[in-house]
Amino acid sequence: MKKIMLATSNAHKVEEFSVMLAPLGYEVMSLLDLEEPIEIEENGTSFEENALIKARAIHQLLGIEVLADDSGLAVNAMNGEPGIYSARFMGKDTSYAIKNQYIIDFCKDKEDKGCQFVCALAYVKADGSEAVFKGVVEGLVADHIEGEHGFGYDPLFYYPPYETTLANVDEEKKNAVSHRGRAIKALIAYMKEGN
């Protein structure tokens, strides 16, 4: 099996990527597999910049194929926030239950409840060549937190075609439409072309 490093310590992301890349013969490693923790400052101004910052830093250290994603929730009524600050929104140690409820309460009386999950996926090959793939899924801020599956902002993200939140659908169904799933599909198509 080919190994690819996923520049994350998020076990949920590792699981998502592992499921989708296994058919291509990839074993997904992550920062959790390293003996020494690596901290990378994400100081870009876009999802794409932050993904490339992480991928380049890990590639420079290890010299192997690297994937890095930067993703988040952009809420129309909040002028695209939390956006690139989704993980740090309201403080890094604030639970997603609190973050989700805050956003739901903020949007309660707003006419525009539209939101997007955005994912930028940077791929740095062993030779240092780079590609970035973007996935976006449109939805609405739900009226209440709902669902047990998924993680992060999934319990507030109402996906109209499914008539429920992304936290209410299984992983396979979510990956079929999610921002990360769409970015990974673009990556897989790129890899299958021999890149």
N, C-alpha and C. Protein backbone atom coordinates (compact mmCIF):
# COMPACT_ATOMS: atom_id res chain seq x y z
N MET A 1 0.83 -1.20 0.00
CA MET A 1 0.00 0.00 0.00
C MET A 1 0.87 1.25 0.00
N LYS A 2 0.45 2.25 -0.77
CA LYS A 2 1.16 3.52 -0.80
C LYS A 2 0.75 4.31 0.45
N LYS A 3 1.70 5.06 0.97
CA LYS A 3 1.41 5.87 2.15
C LYS A 3 1.28 7.33 1.74
N ILE A 4 0.34 7.99 2.38
CA ILE A 4 0.16 9.42 2.17
C ILE A 4 -0.08 10.06 3.53
N MET A 5 0.56 11.18 3.78
CA MET A 5 0.43 11.88 5.06
C MET A 5 -0.70 12.89 4.98
N LEU A 6 -1.62 12.81 5.91
CA LEU A 6 -2.69 13.79 6.03
C LEU A 6 -2.30 14.75 7.14
N ALA A 7 -2.16 16.01 6.80
CA ALA A 7 -1.68 17.01 7.75
C ALA A 7 -2.79 17.42 8.70
N THR A 8 -3.13 16.52 9.61
CA THR A 8 -4.16 16.80 10.60
C THR A 8 -3.95 15.92 11.83
N SER A 9 -4.49 16.39 12.95
CA SER A 9 -4.55 15.58 14.17
C SER A 9 -5.99 15.22 14.48
N ASN A 10 -6.88 15.51 13.54
CA ASN A 10 -8.31 15.27 13.71
C ASN A 10 -8.65 13.85 13.27
N ALA A 11 -8.96 12.98 14.23
CA ALA A 11 -9.24 11.57 13.95
C ALA A 11 -10.44 11.40 13.02
N HIS A 12 -11.43 12.30 13.11
CA HIS A 12 -12.60 12.22 12.22
C HIS A 12 -12.20 12.41 10.77
N LYS A 13 -11.31 13.39 10.52
CA LYS A 13 -10.84 13.63 9.15
C LYS A 13 -10.04 12.44 8.64
N VAL A 14 -9.20 11.86 9.50
CA VAL A 14 -8.39 10.70 9.10
C VAL A 14 -9.31 9.57 8.64
N GLU A 15 -10.37 9.33 9.39
CA GLU A 15 -11.32 8.28 9.06
C GLU A 15 -11.99 8.55 7.71
N GLU A 16 -12.43 9.81 7.50
CA GLU A 16 -13.08 10.19 6.25
C GLU A 16 -12.17 9.97 5.05
N PHE A 17 -10.92 10.45 5.16
CA PHE A 17 -9.97 10.31 4.06
C PHE A 17 -9.59 8.85 3.83
N SER A 18 -9.42 8.09 4.91
CA SER A 18 -9.05 6.68 4.79
C SER A 18 -10.08 5.90 3.98
N VAL A 19 -11.35 6.11 4.28
CA VAL A 19 -12.43 5.42 3.58
C VAL A 19 -12.41 5.76 2.09
N MET A 20 -12.18 7.02 1.76
CA MET A 20 -12.26 7.44 0.37
C MET A 20 -11.00 7.14 -0.45
N LEU A 21 -9.84 7.03 0.22
CA LEU A 21 -8.59 6.78 -0.52
C LEU A 21 -8.17 5.32 -0.54
N ALA A 22 -8.77 4.49 0.31
CA ALA A 22 -8.42 3.06 0.34
C ALA A 22 -8.58 2.38 -1.02
N PRO A 23 -9.65 2.67 -1.78
CA PRO A 23 -9.79 2.02 -3.09
C PRO A 23 -8.64 2.33 -4.06
N LEU A 24 -7.90 3.40 -3.83
CA LEU A 24 -6.75 3.74 -4.67
C LEU A 24 -5.46 3.11 -4.15
N GLY A 25 -5.58 2.35 -3.06
CA GLY A 25 -4.41 1.68 -2.51
C GLY A 25 -3.57 2.54 -1.59
N TYR A 26 -4.19 3.56 -0.98
CA TYR A 26 -3.46 4.44 -0.06
C TYR A 26 -3.75 4.10 1.39
N GLU A 27 -2.69 4.07 2.17
CA GLU A 27 -2.82 4.02 3.62
C GLU A 27 -2.61 5.45 4.10
N VAL A 28 -3.59 5.98 4.81
CA VAL A 28 -3.53 7.36 5.28
C VAL A 28 -2.88 7.41 6.65
N MET A 29 -1.78 8.15 6.73
CA MET A 29 -1.13 8.44 8.01
C MET A 29 -1.53 9.86 8.38
N SER A 30 -1.32 10.20 9.64
CA SER A 30 -1.63 11.56 10.07
C SER A 30 -0.60 12.04 11.07
N LEU A 31 -0.75 13.27 11.49
CA LEU A 31 0.15 13.83 12.49
C LEU A 31 0.08 13.04 13.79
N LEU A 32 -1.01 12.32 14.00
CA LEU A 32 -1.15 11.47 15.19
C LEU A 32 -0.15 10.32 15.18
N ASP A 33 0.36 9.96 14.00
CA ASP A 33 1.31 8.86 13.87
C ASP A 33 2.76 9.28 14.13
N LEU A 34 3.01 10.56 14.24
CA LEU A 34 4.37 11.05 14.44
C LEU A 34 4.74 11.05 15.91
N GLU A 35 6.01 10.80 16.19
CA GLU A 35 6.47 10.79 17.59
C GLU A 35 6.48 12.20 18.18
N GLU A 36 6.89 13.17 17.38
CA GLU A 36 6.96 14.56 17.84
C GLU A 36 5.77 15.33 17.27
N PRO A 37 5.04 16.05 18.09
CA PRO A 37 3.94 16.86 17.56
C PRO A 37 4.46 17.99 16.68
N ILE A 38 3.71 18.31 15.65
CA ILE A 38 4.08 19.39 14.74
C ILE A 38 2.99 20.45 14.81
N GLU A 39 3.38 21.66 15.08
CA GLU A 39 2.44 22.78 15.10
C GLU A 39 2.72 23.64 13.88
N ILE A 40 1.70 23.92 13.10
CA ILE A 40 1.85 24.74 11.91
C ILE A 40 0.91 25.93 12.05
N GLU A 41 1.46 27.12 11.91
CA GLU A 41 0.64 28.32 12.02
C GLU A 41 -0.11 28.54 10.72
N GLU A 42 -1.43 28.49 10.79
CA GLU A 42 -2.27 28.75 9.62
C GLU A 42 -2.55 30.24 9.57
N ASN A 43 -1.73 30.96 8.83
CA ASN A 43 -1.88 32.42 8.79
C ASN A 43 -2.29 32.92 7.41
N GLY A 44 -2.86 32.04 6.60
CA GLY A 44 -3.35 32.44 5.28
C GLY A 44 -4.65 33.21 5.41
N THR A 45 -5.09 33.77 4.28
CA THR A 45 -6.32 34.56 4.28
C THR A 45 -7.45 33.83 3.55
N SER A 46 -7.21 32.58 3.17
CA SER A 46 -8.24 31.79 2.49
C SER A 46 -8.05 30.32 2.86
N PHE A 47 -9.08 29.54 2.59
CA PHE A 47 -8.98 28.10 2.82
C PHE A 47 -7.83 27.51 2.01
N GLU A 48 -7.70 27.95 0.74
CA GLU A 48 -6.65 27.44 -0.14
C GLU A 48 -5.26 27.73 0.42
N GLU A 49 -5.04 28.97 0.85
CA GLU A 49 -3.73 29.35 1.40
C GLU A 49 -3.39 28.51 2.63
N ASN A 50 -4.34 28.35 3.53
CA ASN A 50 -4.07 27.58 4.75
C ASN A 50 -3.78 26.12 4.45
N ALA A 51 -4.49 25.54 3.50
CA ALA A 51 -4.24 24.14 3.13
C ALA A 51 -2.83 24.00 2.55
N LEU A 52 -2.42 24.92 1.69
CA LEU A 52 -1.08 24.87 1.10
C LEU A 52 0.01 25.09 2.15
N ILE A 53 -0.22 25.99 3.09
CA ILE A 53 0.76 26.23 4.16
C ILE A 53 1.03 24.93 4.91
N LYS A 54 -0.04 24.22 5.28
CA LYS A 54 0.12 22.96 6.02
C LYS A 54 0.81 21.90 5.17
N ALA A 55 0.35 21.72 3.94
CA ALA A 55 0.91 20.67 3.08
C ALA A 55 2.38 20.91 2.79
N ARG A 56 2.74 22.16 2.49
CA ARG A 56 4.14 22.48 2.20
C ARG A 56 5.03 22.24 3.41
N ALA A 57 4.56 22.64 4.58
CA ALA A 57 5.36 22.49 5.80
C ALA A 57 5.64 21.01 6.10
N ILE A 58 4.63 20.17 5.99
CA ILE A 58 4.81 18.74 6.26
C ILE A 58 5.68 18.10 5.18
N HIS A 59 5.47 18.48 3.93
CA HIS A 59 6.29 17.93 2.84
C HIS A 59 7.75 18.30 3.05
N GLN A 60 8.00 19.53 3.45
CA GLN A 60 9.38 19.99 3.68
C GLN A 60 10.05 19.16 4.79
N LEU A 61 9.28 18.81 5.81
CA LEU A 61 9.82 18.02 6.92
C LEU A 61 10.03 16.55 6.57
N LEU A 62 9.08 15.96 5.85
CA LEU A 62 9.08 14.51 5.64
C LEU A 62 9.44 14.06 4.22
N GLY A 63 9.27 14.94 3.24
CA GLY A 63 9.61 14.60 1.87
C GLY A 63 8.73 13.55 1.22
N ILE A 64 7.51 13.37 1.73
CA ILE A 64 6.60 12.38 1.16
C ILE A 64 5.33 13.06 0.65
N GLU A 65 4.45 12.27 0.02
CA GLU A 65 3.18 12.81 -0.45
C GLU A 65 2.36 13.30 0.75
N VAL A 66 1.78 14.48 0.59
CA VAL A 66 1.03 15.08 1.70
C VAL A 66 -0.30 15.63 1.19
N LEU A 67 -1.32 15.44 1.99
CA LEU A 67 -2.62 16.07 1.78
C LEU A 67 -2.90 16.95 2.99
N ALA A 68 -3.42 18.13 2.74
CA ALA A 68 -3.84 19.00 3.84
C ALA A 68 -5.13 19.67 3.43
N ASP A 69 -6.09 19.67 4.32
CA ASP A 69 -7.31 20.39 4.00
C ASP A 69 -7.51 21.51 4.99
N ASP A 70 -8.16 22.53 4.52
CA ASP A 70 -8.64 23.57 5.41
C ASP A 70 -10.10 23.72 5.04
N SER A 71 -10.93 23.64 6.03
CA SER A 71 -12.35 23.66 5.75
C SER A 71 -13.08 24.41 6.84
N GLY A 72 -14.29 24.79 6.52
CA GLY A 72 -15.07 25.50 7.51
C GLY A 72 -16.46 25.83 7.02
N LEU A 73 -17.17 26.50 7.89
CA LEU A 73 -18.55 26.90 7.65
C LEU A 73 -18.58 28.39 7.36
N ALA A 74 -19.26 28.77 6.29
CA ALA A 74 -19.46 30.18 5.96
C ALA A 74 -20.96 30.46 6.02
N VAL A 75 -21.36 31.34 6.94
CA VAL A 75 -22.77 31.65 7.15
C VAL A 75 -23.08 33.01 6.53
N ASN A 76 -24.05 33.03 5.62
CA ASN A 76 -24.38 34.27 4.91
C ASN A 76 -24.73 35.42 5.85
N ALA A 77 -25.57 35.16 6.85
CA ALA A 77 -26.01 36.21 7.78
C ALA A 77 -24.88 36.73 8.65
N MET A 78 -23.76 36.01 8.67
CA MET A 78 -22.59 36.42 9.46
C MET A 78 -21.45 36.87 8.55
N ASN A 79 -21.82 37.30 7.32
CA ASN A 79 -20.83 37.78 6.35
C ASN A 79 -19.72 36.77 6.08
N GLY A 80 -20.11 35.49 6.00
CA GLY A 80 -19.14 34.45 5.68
C GLY A 80 -18.38 33.89 6.87
N GLU A 81 -18.65 34.42 8.04
CA GLU A 81 -18.00 33.89 9.24
C GLU A 81 -18.70 32.59 9.65
N PRO A 82 -18.10 31.72 10.39
CA PRO A 82 -16.75 31.79 10.91
C PRO A 82 -15.65 31.55 9.88
N GLY A 83 -15.98 31.01 8.70
CA GLY A 83 -15.02 30.91 7.61
C GLY A 83 -13.73 30.20 7.98
N ILE A 84 -12.59 30.84 7.63
CA ILE A 84 -11.30 30.20 7.90
C ILE A 84 -11.01 30.09 9.39
N TYR A 85 -11.82 30.74 10.20
CA TYR A 85 -11.64 30.67 11.66
C TYR A 85 -12.61 29.67 12.31
N SER A 86 -13.21 28.79 11.53
CA SER A 86 -14.24 27.88 12.04
C SER A 86 -13.79 27.08 13.25
N ALA A 87 -12.59 26.54 13.23
CA ALA A 87 -12.10 25.73 14.36
C ALA A 87 -11.83 26.60 15.59
N ARG A 88 -11.43 27.84 15.36
CA ARG A 88 -11.07 28.73 16.47
C ARG A 88 -12.20 29.69 16.85
N PHE A 89 -13.33 29.61 16.15
CA PHE A 89 -14.47 30.49 16.40
C PHE A 89 -14.90 30.39 17.86
N MET A 90 -15.05 31.52 18.50
CA MET A 90 -15.46 31.61 19.91
C MET A 90 -14.41 31.00 20.85
N GLY A 91 -13.20 30.82 20.37
CA GLY A 91 -12.14 30.24 21.19
C GLY A 91 -11.96 28.77 20.89
N LYS A 92 -10.70 28.37 20.81
CA LYS A 92 -10.35 26.99 20.44
C LYS A 92 -10.95 25.95 21.38
N ASP A 93 -11.12 26.29 22.65
CA ASP A 93 -11.61 25.33 23.63
C ASP A 93 -13.13 25.32 23.78
N THR A 94 -13.82 26.17 23.03
CA THR A 94 -15.28 26.20 23.09
C THR A 94 -15.84 24.98 22.36
N SER A 95 -16.77 24.29 22.97
CA SER A 95 -17.34 23.08 22.36
C SER A 95 -18.17 23.44 21.13
N TYR A 96 -18.27 22.47 20.22
CA TYR A 96 -19.09 22.69 19.02
C TYR A 96 -20.57 22.79 19.38
N ALA A 97 -20.99 22.18 20.46
CA ALA A 97 -22.39 22.32 20.89
C ALA A 97 -22.70 23.80 21.16
N ILE A 98 -21.77 24.48 21.82
CA ILE A 98 -21.95 25.90 22.12
C ILE A 98 -21.85 26.74 20.85
N LYS A 99 -20.86 26.45 20.01
CA LYS A 99 -20.69 27.19 18.75
C LYS A 99 -21.94 27.03 17.87
N ASN A 100 -22.41 25.79 17.75
CA ASN A 100 -23.58 25.52 16.92
C ASN A 100 -24.80 26.28 17.42
N GLN A 101 -25.02 26.25 18.74
CA GLN A 101 -26.18 26.93 19.30
C GLN A 101 -26.08 28.44 19.11
N TYR A 102 -24.88 28.99 19.24
CA TYR A 102 -24.68 30.43 19.02
C TYR A 102 -25.09 30.81 17.60
N ILE A 103 -24.63 30.03 16.62
CA ILE A 103 -24.94 30.35 15.22
C ILE A 103 -26.43 30.20 14.95
N ILE A 104 -27.04 29.16 15.48
CA ILE A 104 -28.49 28.97 15.32
C ILE A 104 -29.24 30.15 15.92
N ASP A 105 -28.87 30.56 17.13
CA ASP A 105 -29.52 31.70 17.78
C ASP A 105 -29.31 32.98 16.99
N PHE A 106 -28.10 33.18 16.47
CA PHE A 106 -27.78 34.38 15.69
C PHE A 106 -28.65 34.45 14.44
N CYS A 107 -28.89 33.32 13.81
CA CYS A 107 -29.62 33.28 12.54
C CYS A 107 -31.14 33.16 12.70
N LYS A 108 -31.59 32.96 13.93
CA LYS A 108 -33.00 32.68 14.19
C LYS A 108 -33.94 33.67 13.50
N ASP A 109 -33.68 34.96 13.61
CA ASP A 109 -34.57 35.98 13.05
C ASP A 109 -34.06 36.54 11.73
N LYS A 110 -33.04 35.93 11.17
CA LYS A 110 -32.48 36.42 9.90
C LYS A 110 -33.26 35.82 8.73
N GLU A 111 -33.44 36.63 7.71
CA GLU A 111 -34.14 36.16 6.51
C GLU A 111 -33.28 35.15 5.74
N ASP A 112 -31.99 35.45 5.63
CA ASP A 112 -31.08 34.58 4.88
C ASP A 112 -30.41 33.60 5.83
N LYS A 113 -30.83 32.36 5.79
CA LYS A 113 -30.23 31.32 6.63
C LYS A 113 -29.24 30.46 5.83
N GLY A 114 -28.88 30.93 4.65
CA GLY A 114 -27.97 30.18 3.79
C GLY A 114 -26.58 30.05 4.41
N CYS A 115 -25.95 28.92 4.13
CA CYS A 115 -24.58 28.69 4.58
C CYS A 115 -23.91 27.70 3.63
N GLN A 116 -22.62 27.65 3.71
CA GLN A 116 -21.85 26.73 2.88
C GLN A 116 -20.78 26.07 3.73
N PHE A 117 -20.55 24.80 3.47
CA PHE A 117 -19.35 24.14 3.95
C PHE A 117 -18.36 24.24 2.80
N VAL A 118 -17.15 24.69 3.10
CA VAL A 118 -16.11 24.85 2.08
C VAL A 118 -14.90 24.03 2.50
N CYS A 119 -14.30 23.34 1.53
CA CYS A 119 -13.07 22.59 1.77
C CYS A 119 -12.08 22.87 0.66
N ALA A 120 -10.87 23.26 1.04
CA ALA A 120 -9.76 23.35 0.10
C ALA A 120 -8.80 22.23 0.47
N LEU A 121 -8.44 21.43 -0.50
CA LEU A 121 -7.59 20.27 -0.29
C LEU A 121 -6.31 20.44 -1.10
N ALA A 122 -5.19 20.59 -0.39
CA ALA A 122 -3.89 20.75 -1.05
C ALA A 122 -3.18 19.40 -1.10
N TYR A 123 -2.61 19.12 -2.25
CA TYR A 123 -1.89 17.86 -2.49
C TYR A 123 -0.48 18.22 -2.94
N VAL A 124 0.51 17.81 -2.15
CA VAL A 124 1.91 18.00 -2.53
C VAL A 124 2.49 16.61 -2.75
N LYS A 125 2.93 16.37 -3.97
CA LYS A 125 3.51 15.07 -4.32
C LYS A 125 4.93 14.98 -3.79
N ALA A 126 5.47 13.76 -3.79
CA ALA A 126 6.82 13.54 -3.28
C ALA A 126 7.84 14.42 -3.99
N ASP A 127 7.61 14.72 -5.28
CA ASP A 127 8.55 15.56 -6.03
C ASP A 127 8.35 17.05 -5.79
N GLY A 128 7.36 17.41 -4.95
CA GLY A 128 7.12 18.81 -4.61
C GLY A 128 6.08 19.50 -5.47
N SER A 129 5.59 18.84 -6.52
CA SER A 129 4.55 19.48 -7.34
C SER A 129 3.25 19.56 -6.53
N GLU A 130 2.45 20.57 -6.83
CA GLU A 130 1.27 20.88 -6.01
C GLU A 130 0.00 20.98 -6.84
N ALA A 131 -1.11 20.69 -6.19
CA ALA A 131 -2.43 20.90 -6.77
C ALA A 131 -3.39 21.19 -5.62
N VAL A 132 -4.40 22.01 -5.88
CA VAL A 132 -5.40 22.33 -4.86
C VAL A 132 -6.79 22.05 -5.45
N PHE A 133 -7.63 21.41 -4.65
CA PHE A 133 -8.99 21.05 -5.06
C PHE A 133 -9.96 21.66 -4.07
N LYS A 134 -11.09 22.15 -4.58
CA LYS A 134 -12.06 22.81 -3.71
C LYS A 134 -13.41 22.10 -3.80
N GLY A 135 -14.05 21.97 -2.67
CA GLY A 135 -15.39 21.41 -2.63
C GLY A 135 -16.29 22.32 -1.81
N VAL A 136 -17.50 22.54 -2.29
CA VAL A 136 -18.46 23.40 -1.59
C VAL A 136 -19.81 22.69 -1.58
N VAL A 137 -20.50 22.76 -0.47
CA VAL A 137 -21.88 22.26 -0.40
C VAL A 137 -22.74 23.35 0.23
N GLU A 138 -23.88 23.61 -0.40
CA GLU A 138 -24.80 24.66 0.05
C GLU A 138 -25.85 24.07 0.97
N GLY A 139 -26.19 24.82 2.00
CA GLY A 139 -27.22 24.38 2.91
C GLY A 139 -27.85 25.56 3.63
N LEU A 140 -28.50 25.26 4.74
CA LEU A 140 -29.16 26.27 5.56
C LEU A 140 -28.80 26.03 7.02
N VAL A 141 -28.77 27.11 7.79
CA VAL A 141 -28.61 26.96 9.24
C VAL A 141 -29.94 26.42 9.77
N ALA A 142 -29.88 25.27 10.42
CA ALA A 142 -31.09 24.61 10.95
C ALA A 142 -31.69 25.44 12.08
N ASP A 143 -32.93 25.13 12.41
CA ASP A 143 -33.62 25.81 13.52
C ASP A 143 -33.16 25.29 14.87
N HIS A 144 -32.59 24.08 14.89
CA HIS A 144 -32.10 23.49 16.14
C HIS A 144 -31.03 22.46 15.81
N ILE A 145 -30.22 22.14 16.79
CA ILE A 145 -29.18 21.12 16.64
C ILE A 145 -29.87 19.77 16.48
N GLU A 146 -29.40 19.00 15.48
CA GLU A 146 -30.06 17.72 15.23
C GLU A 146 -29.07 16.72 14.66
N GLY A 147 -29.06 15.51 15.22
CA GLY A 147 -28.27 14.42 14.67
C GLY A 147 -27.12 13.98 15.54
N GLU A 148 -26.74 12.72 15.38
CA GLU A 148 -25.69 12.11 16.19
C GLU A 148 -24.44 11.78 15.39
N HIS A 149 -24.53 11.79 14.06
CA HIS A 149 -23.38 11.43 13.23
C HIS A 149 -22.55 12.68 12.94
N GLY A 150 -21.41 12.46 12.29
CA GLY A 150 -20.59 13.59 11.88
C GLY A 150 -19.91 14.26 13.05
N PHE A 151 -19.45 15.48 12.81
CA PHE A 151 -18.73 16.23 13.83
C PHE A 151 -18.78 17.71 13.49
N GLY A 152 -18.24 18.52 14.37
CA GLY A 152 -18.16 19.96 14.10
C GLY A 152 -19.51 20.62 13.94
N TYR A 153 -19.70 21.26 12.79
CA TYR A 153 -20.92 22.01 12.52
C TYR A 153 -22.01 21.17 11.83
N ASP A 154 -21.77 19.88 11.65
CA ASP A 154 -22.76 19.02 10.97
C ASP A 154 -24.15 19.10 11.60
N PRO A 155 -24.29 19.18 12.95
CA PRO A 155 -25.63 19.19 13.55
C PRO A 155 -26.46 20.44 13.25
N LEU A 156 -25.83 21.52 12.74
CA LEU A 156 -26.62 22.71 12.40
C LEU A 156 -26.78 22.87 10.90
N PHE A 157 -26.09 22.05 10.12
CA PHE A 157 -26.07 22.21 8.66
C PHE A 157 -27.20 21.40 8.03
N TYR A 158 -28.29 22.10 7.72
CA TYR A 158 -29.46 21.47 7.09
C TYR A 158 -29.21 21.39 5.59
N TYR A 159 -29.28 20.16 5.06
CA TYR A 159 -29.04 19.93 3.63
C TYR A 159 -30.39 19.64 2.97
N PRO A 160 -30.97 20.62 2.24
CA PRO A 160 -32.32 20.47 1.70
C PRO A 160 -32.60 19.19 0.91
N PRO A 161 -31.70 18.72 0.02
CA PRO A 161 -32.04 17.48 -0.70
C PRO A 161 -32.26 16.27 0.22
N TYR A 162 -31.61 16.24 1.37
CA TYR A 162 -31.80 15.15 2.33
C TYR A 162 -32.90 15.46 3.34
N GLU A 163 -33.36 16.70 3.37
CA GLU A 163 -34.39 17.17 4.30
C GLU A 163 -34.02 16.94 5.76
N THR A 164 -32.73 17.07 6.07
CA THR A 164 -32.24 16.91 7.44
C THR A 164 -30.83 17.49 7.52
N THR A 165 -30.27 17.46 8.72
CA THR A 165 -28.89 17.93 8.87
C THR A 165 -27.91 16.83 8.45
N LEU A 166 -26.68 17.24 8.18
CA LEU A 166 -25.65 16.26 7.81
C LEU A 166 -25.29 15.35 8.98
N ALA A 167 -25.62 15.76 10.20
CA ALA A 167 -25.37 14.91 11.36
C ALA A 167 -26.41 13.81 11.49
N ASN A 168 -27.43 13.85 10.65
CA ASN A 168 -28.49 12.84 10.69
C ASN A 168 -28.33 11.77 9.61
N VAL A 169 -27.25 11.85 8.83
CA VAL A 169 -27.06 10.86 7.77
C VAL A 169 -25.77 10.08 8.03
N ASP A 170 -25.71 8.86 7.51
CA ASP A 170 -24.51 8.06 7.72
C ASP A 170 -23.34 8.61 6.91
N GLU A 171 -22.16 8.13 7.22
CA GLU A 171 -20.94 8.66 6.63
C GLU A 171 -20.92 8.53 5.11
N GLU A 172 -21.38 7.41 4.60
CA GLU A 172 -21.37 7.19 3.15
C GLU A 172 -22.25 8.22 2.43
N LYS A 173 -23.44 8.44 2.98
CA LYS A 173 -24.37 9.41 2.38
C LYS A 173 -23.81 10.83 2.50
N LYS A 174 -23.20 11.13 3.64
CA LYS A 174 -22.60 12.45 3.84
C LYS A 174 -21.45 12.67 2.86
N ASN A 175 -20.55 11.69 2.75
CA ASN A 175 -19.39 11.82 1.86
C ASN A 175 -19.79 12.01 0.40
N ALA A 176 -20.97 11.52 0.04
CA ALA A 176 -21.44 11.65 -1.34
C ALA A 176 -21.71 13.10 -1.71
N VAL A 177 -22.00 13.95 -0.72
CA VAL A 177 -22.36 15.34 -1.02
C VAL A 177 -21.53 16.38 -0.28
N SER A 178 -20.75 15.97 0.70
CA SER A 178 -20.06 16.94 1.56
C SER A 178 -18.98 17.71 0.81
N HIS A 179 -18.62 18.83 1.36
CA HIS A 179 -17.54 19.67 0.82
C HIS A 179 -16.24 18.89 0.73
N ARG A 180 -15.92 18.16 1.79
CA ARG A 180 -14.69 17.37 1.81
C ARG A 180 -14.79 16.22 0.82
N GLY A 181 -15.96 15.58 0.77
CA GLY A 181 -16.18 14.50 -0.19
C GLY A 181 -16.00 14.97 -1.62
N ARG A 182 -16.50 16.17 -1.93
CA ARG A 182 -16.38 16.72 -3.28
C ARG A 182 -14.93 17.05 -3.61
N ALA A 183 -14.20 17.61 -2.65
CA ALA A 183 -12.78 17.92 -2.88
C ALA A 183 -11.98 16.63 -3.06
N ILE A 184 -12.29 15.61 -2.26
CA ILE A 184 -11.57 14.33 -2.37
C ILE A 184 -11.88 13.67 -3.72
N LYS A 185 -13.13 13.76 -4.18
CA LYS A 185 -13.47 13.19 -5.49
C LYS A 185 -12.67 13.87 -6.60
N ALA A 186 -12.50 15.18 -6.52
CA ALA A 186 -11.68 15.90 -7.51
C ALA A 186 -10.23 15.44 -7.43
N LEU A 187 -9.72 15.25 -6.22
CA LEU A 187 -8.36 14.74 -6.03
C LEU A 187 -8.22 13.34 -6.64
N ILE A 188 -9.18 12.47 -6.37
CA ILE A 188 -9.13 11.09 -6.87
C ILE A 188 -9.13 11.09 -8.40
N ALA A 189 -9.97 11.94 -9.01
CA ALA A 189 -9.99 12.03 -10.48
C ALA A 189 -8.62 12.45 -11.00
N TYR A 190 -8.01 13.40 -10.31
CA TYR A 190 -6.66 13.89 -10.67
C TYR A 190 -5.63 12.76 -10.55
N MET A 191 -5.70 12.01 -9.46
CA MET A 191 -4.76 10.90 -9.25
C MET A 191 -4.94 9.80 -10.30
N LYS A 192 -6.20 9.52 -10.65
CA LYS A 192 -6.48 8.47 -11.64
C LYS A 192 -5.98 8.84 -13.03
N GLU A 193 -5.82 10.15 -13.28
CA GLU A 193 -5.28 10.60 -14.57
C GLU A 193 -3.77 10.40 -14.63
N GLY A 194 -3.22 9.86 -13.55
CA GLY A 194 -1.78 9.60 -13.52
C GLY A 194 -0.95 10.73 -12.95
N ASN A 195 -1.60 11.66 -12.30
CA ASN A 195 -0.87 12.79 -11.70
C ASN A 195 -0.36 12.44 -10.32
